[in-house]
N, C-alpha and C. Protein backbone atom coordinates (compact mmCIF):
# COMPACT_ATOMS: atom_id res chain seq x y z
N SER A 1 -8.37 -4.04 -11.70
CA SER A 1 -7.95 -2.74 -12.15
C SER A 1 -7.16 -2.03 -11.06
N CYS A 2 -6.52 -0.97 -11.42
CA CYS A 2 -5.62 -0.26 -10.51
C CYS A 2 -6.30 0.95 -9.84
N ASP A 3 -7.60 1.08 -9.95
CA ASP A 3 -8.29 2.25 -9.42
C ASP A 3 -8.15 2.44 -7.91
N PRO A 4 -8.22 1.37 -7.10
CA PRO A 4 -8.04 1.59 -5.66
C PRO A 4 -6.65 2.13 -5.30
N LEU A 5 -5.63 1.66 -6.02
CA LEU A 5 -4.27 2.18 -5.77
C LEU A 5 -4.17 3.64 -6.16
N LEU A 6 -4.78 4.00 -7.28
CA LEU A 6 -4.74 5.39 -7.74
C LEU A 6 -5.46 6.31 -6.75
N ALA A 7 -6.60 5.87 -6.24
CA ALA A 7 -7.34 6.66 -5.26
C ALA A 7 -6.53 6.83 -3.97
N SER A 8 -5.86 5.76 -3.54
CA SER A 8 -5.03 5.84 -2.33
C SER A 8 -3.86 6.78 -2.53
N LEU A 9 -3.26 6.75 -3.72
CA LEU A 9 -2.14 7.64 -4.01
C LEU A 9 -2.59 9.09 -4.01
N LYS A 10 -3.73 9.37 -4.60
CA LYS A 10 -4.25 10.74 -4.61
C LYS A 10 -4.52 11.23 -3.20
N GLU A 11 -5.11 10.36 -2.39
CA GLU A 11 -5.39 10.71 -1.00
C GLU A 11 -4.11 11.01 -0.23
N CYS A 12 -3.10 10.16 -0.45
CA CYS A 12 -1.82 10.34 0.23
C CYS A 12 -1.18 11.67 -0.18
N LEU A 13 -1.23 11.98 -1.46
CA LEU A 13 -0.65 13.23 -1.94
C LEU A 13 -1.36 14.44 -1.37
N LEU A 14 -2.68 14.40 -1.37
CA LEU A 14 -3.44 15.56 -0.89
C LEU A 14 -3.26 15.78 0.60
N ASN A 15 -2.91 14.74 1.35
CA ASN A 15 -2.71 14.88 2.80
C ASN A 15 -1.25 15.08 3.18
N SER A 16 -0.35 15.11 2.21
CA SER A 16 1.07 15.25 2.53
C SER A 16 1.40 16.70 2.91
N ASP A 17 2.51 16.86 3.62
CA ASP A 17 2.93 18.20 4.05
C ASP A 17 3.28 19.08 2.87
N CYS A 18 3.76 18.49 1.80
CA CYS A 18 4.15 19.26 0.62
C CYS A 18 2.96 20.03 0.07
N VAL A 19 1.80 19.40 0.06
CA VAL A 19 0.59 20.04 -0.48
C VAL A 19 -0.08 20.90 0.58
N VAL A 20 -0.24 20.35 1.79
CA VAL A 20 -1.01 21.03 2.83
C VAL A 20 -0.28 22.25 3.37
N LYS A 21 0.96 22.06 3.80
CA LYS A 21 1.68 23.16 4.45
C LYS A 21 2.35 24.11 3.47
N ASN A 22 2.95 23.55 2.41
CA ASN A 22 3.71 24.40 1.48
C ASN A 22 2.87 24.92 0.32
N GLY A 23 1.69 24.36 0.10
CA GLY A 23 0.79 24.86 -0.93
C GLY A 23 1.18 24.51 -2.35
N HIS A 24 1.99 23.48 -2.54
CA HIS A 24 2.36 23.06 -3.89
C HIS A 24 1.26 22.17 -4.48
N LEU A 25 1.25 22.07 -5.79
CA LEU A 25 0.36 21.14 -6.46
C LEU A 25 0.89 19.71 -6.27
N PRO A 26 0.01 18.71 -6.27
CA PRO A 26 0.49 17.33 -6.12
C PRO A 26 1.49 16.93 -7.21
N SER A 27 1.27 17.39 -8.43
CA SER A 27 2.22 17.06 -9.51
C SER A 27 3.58 17.70 -9.27
N GLU A 28 3.59 18.91 -8.71
CA GLU A 28 4.86 19.57 -8.38
C GLU A 28 5.60 18.80 -7.30
N CYS A 29 4.86 18.28 -6.34
CA CYS A 29 5.49 17.53 -5.24
C CYS A 29 6.17 16.27 -5.77
N PHE A 30 5.54 15.59 -6.72
CA PHE A 30 6.14 14.38 -7.28
C PHE A 30 7.38 14.69 -8.09
N LYS A 31 7.34 15.77 -8.87
CA LYS A 31 8.45 16.07 -9.78
C LYS A 31 9.58 16.84 -9.10
N SER A 32 9.23 17.85 -8.33
CA SER A 32 10.26 18.76 -7.81
C SER A 32 10.62 18.53 -6.34
N TYR A 33 9.70 18.00 -5.56
CA TYR A 33 9.94 17.86 -4.12
C TYR A 33 9.65 16.44 -3.63
N PRO A 34 10.22 15.41 -4.23
CA PRO A 34 9.90 14.04 -3.78
C PRO A 34 10.40 13.72 -2.37
N GLU A 35 11.38 14.46 -1.89
CA GLU A 35 11.91 14.19 -0.55
C GLU A 35 10.93 14.62 0.53
N GLN A 36 9.96 15.48 0.20
CA GLN A 36 8.98 15.94 1.19
C GLN A 36 7.78 15.01 1.30
N LEU A 37 7.70 14.01 0.44
CA LEU A 37 6.58 13.08 0.48
C LEU A 37 6.87 11.94 1.46
N PRO A 38 5.85 11.44 2.14
CA PRO A 38 6.07 10.32 3.07
C PRO A 38 6.36 9.02 2.31
N ASP A 39 6.92 8.07 3.02
CA ASP A 39 7.28 6.78 2.41
C ASP A 39 6.05 6.05 1.88
N GLN A 40 4.91 6.26 2.52
CA GLN A 40 3.69 5.59 2.06
C GLN A 40 3.35 6.01 0.63
N CYS A 41 3.52 7.29 0.30
CA CYS A 41 3.23 7.76 -1.06
C CYS A 41 4.19 7.13 -2.06
N HIS A 42 5.45 7.00 -1.68
CA HIS A 42 6.42 6.38 -2.59
C HIS A 42 6.08 4.91 -2.83
N SER A 43 5.66 4.21 -1.78
CA SER A 43 5.33 2.80 -1.96
C SER A 43 4.04 2.65 -2.78
N LEU A 44 3.08 3.55 -2.61
CA LEU A 44 1.86 3.50 -3.42
C LEU A 44 2.16 3.81 -4.88
N ARG A 45 3.07 4.72 -5.11
CA ARG A 45 3.45 5.04 -6.49
C ARG A 45 4.10 3.83 -7.16
N ARG A 46 4.97 3.15 -6.44
CA ARG A 46 5.63 1.96 -6.97
C ARG A 46 4.62 0.85 -7.23
N ALA A 47 3.67 0.67 -6.32
CA ALA A 47 2.64 -0.35 -6.49
C ALA A 47 1.74 -0.04 -7.69
N LEU A 48 1.42 1.24 -7.88
CA LEU A 48 0.61 1.63 -9.03
C LEU A 48 1.36 1.39 -10.32
N PHE A 49 2.64 1.70 -10.33
CA PHE A 49 3.46 1.45 -11.52
C PHE A 49 3.48 -0.03 -11.86
N ASN A 50 3.67 -0.89 -10.85
CA ASN A 50 3.70 -2.32 -11.09
C ASN A 50 2.34 -2.84 -11.56
N CYS A 51 1.27 -2.27 -11.04
CA CYS A 51 -0.07 -2.68 -11.46
C CYS A 51 -0.30 -2.31 -12.92
N LYS A 52 0.04 -1.09 -13.30
CA LYS A 52 -0.13 -0.66 -14.70
C LYS A 52 0.74 -1.49 -15.63
N ARG A 53 1.95 -1.77 -15.21
CA ARG A 53 2.84 -2.57 -16.03
C ARG A 53 2.31 -3.99 -16.18
N GLY A 54 1.70 -4.51 -15.13
CA GLY A 54 1.11 -5.83 -15.18
C GLY A 54 -0.05 -5.93 -16.15
N GLN A 55 -0.76 -4.81 -16.35
CA GLN A 55 -1.86 -4.81 -17.31
C GLN A 55 -1.35 -4.90 -18.74
N LEU A 56 -0.16 -4.40 -18.99
CA LEU A 56 0.39 -4.41 -20.34
C LEU A 56 1.20 -5.67 -20.63
N ASP A 57 1.62 -6.37 -19.59
CA ASP A 57 2.45 -7.56 -19.76
C ASP A 57 1.57 -8.72 -20.22
N MET A 58 1.85 -9.24 -21.41
CA MET A 58 1.02 -10.30 -21.98
C MET A 58 1.09 -11.60 -21.18
N ARG A 59 2.18 -11.84 -20.47
CA ARG A 59 2.29 -13.06 -19.67
C ARG A 59 1.35 -13.03 -18.47
N LYS A 60 1.11 -11.84 -17.92
CA LYS A 60 0.26 -11.73 -16.75
C LYS A 60 -1.20 -11.39 -17.11
N ARG A 61 -1.46 -11.07 -18.33
CA ARG A 61 -2.80 -10.65 -18.70
C ARG A 61 -3.84 -11.73 -18.46
N PHE A 62 -3.50 -12.96 -18.79
CA PHE A 62 -4.47 -14.04 -18.64
C PHE A 62 -4.53 -14.55 -17.20
N ARG A 63 -3.43 -14.41 -16.46
CA ARG A 63 -3.40 -14.89 -15.08
C ARG A 63 -3.93 -13.84 -14.12
N GLY A 64 -3.80 -12.59 -14.45
CA GLY A 64 -4.23 -11.51 -13.57
C GLY A 64 -3.09 -11.04 -12.69
N ASN A 65 -3.31 -9.90 -12.01
CA ASN A 65 -2.28 -9.33 -11.14
C ASN A 65 -2.17 -10.11 -9.85
């Protein structure tokens, strides 16, 4: 399952400067201020997307991620 990636992404967002210093919501940072997020958050977001997509892909369902 993708739960560890989701937890890591939440942690990354809550510790980013966009949320801590500027006081924005994590969802606002993703939509309106993506340039203020660190590269680690972007890579975790991409990994989470690929994990979720892998769950829906019938070719990978039987083999696993």
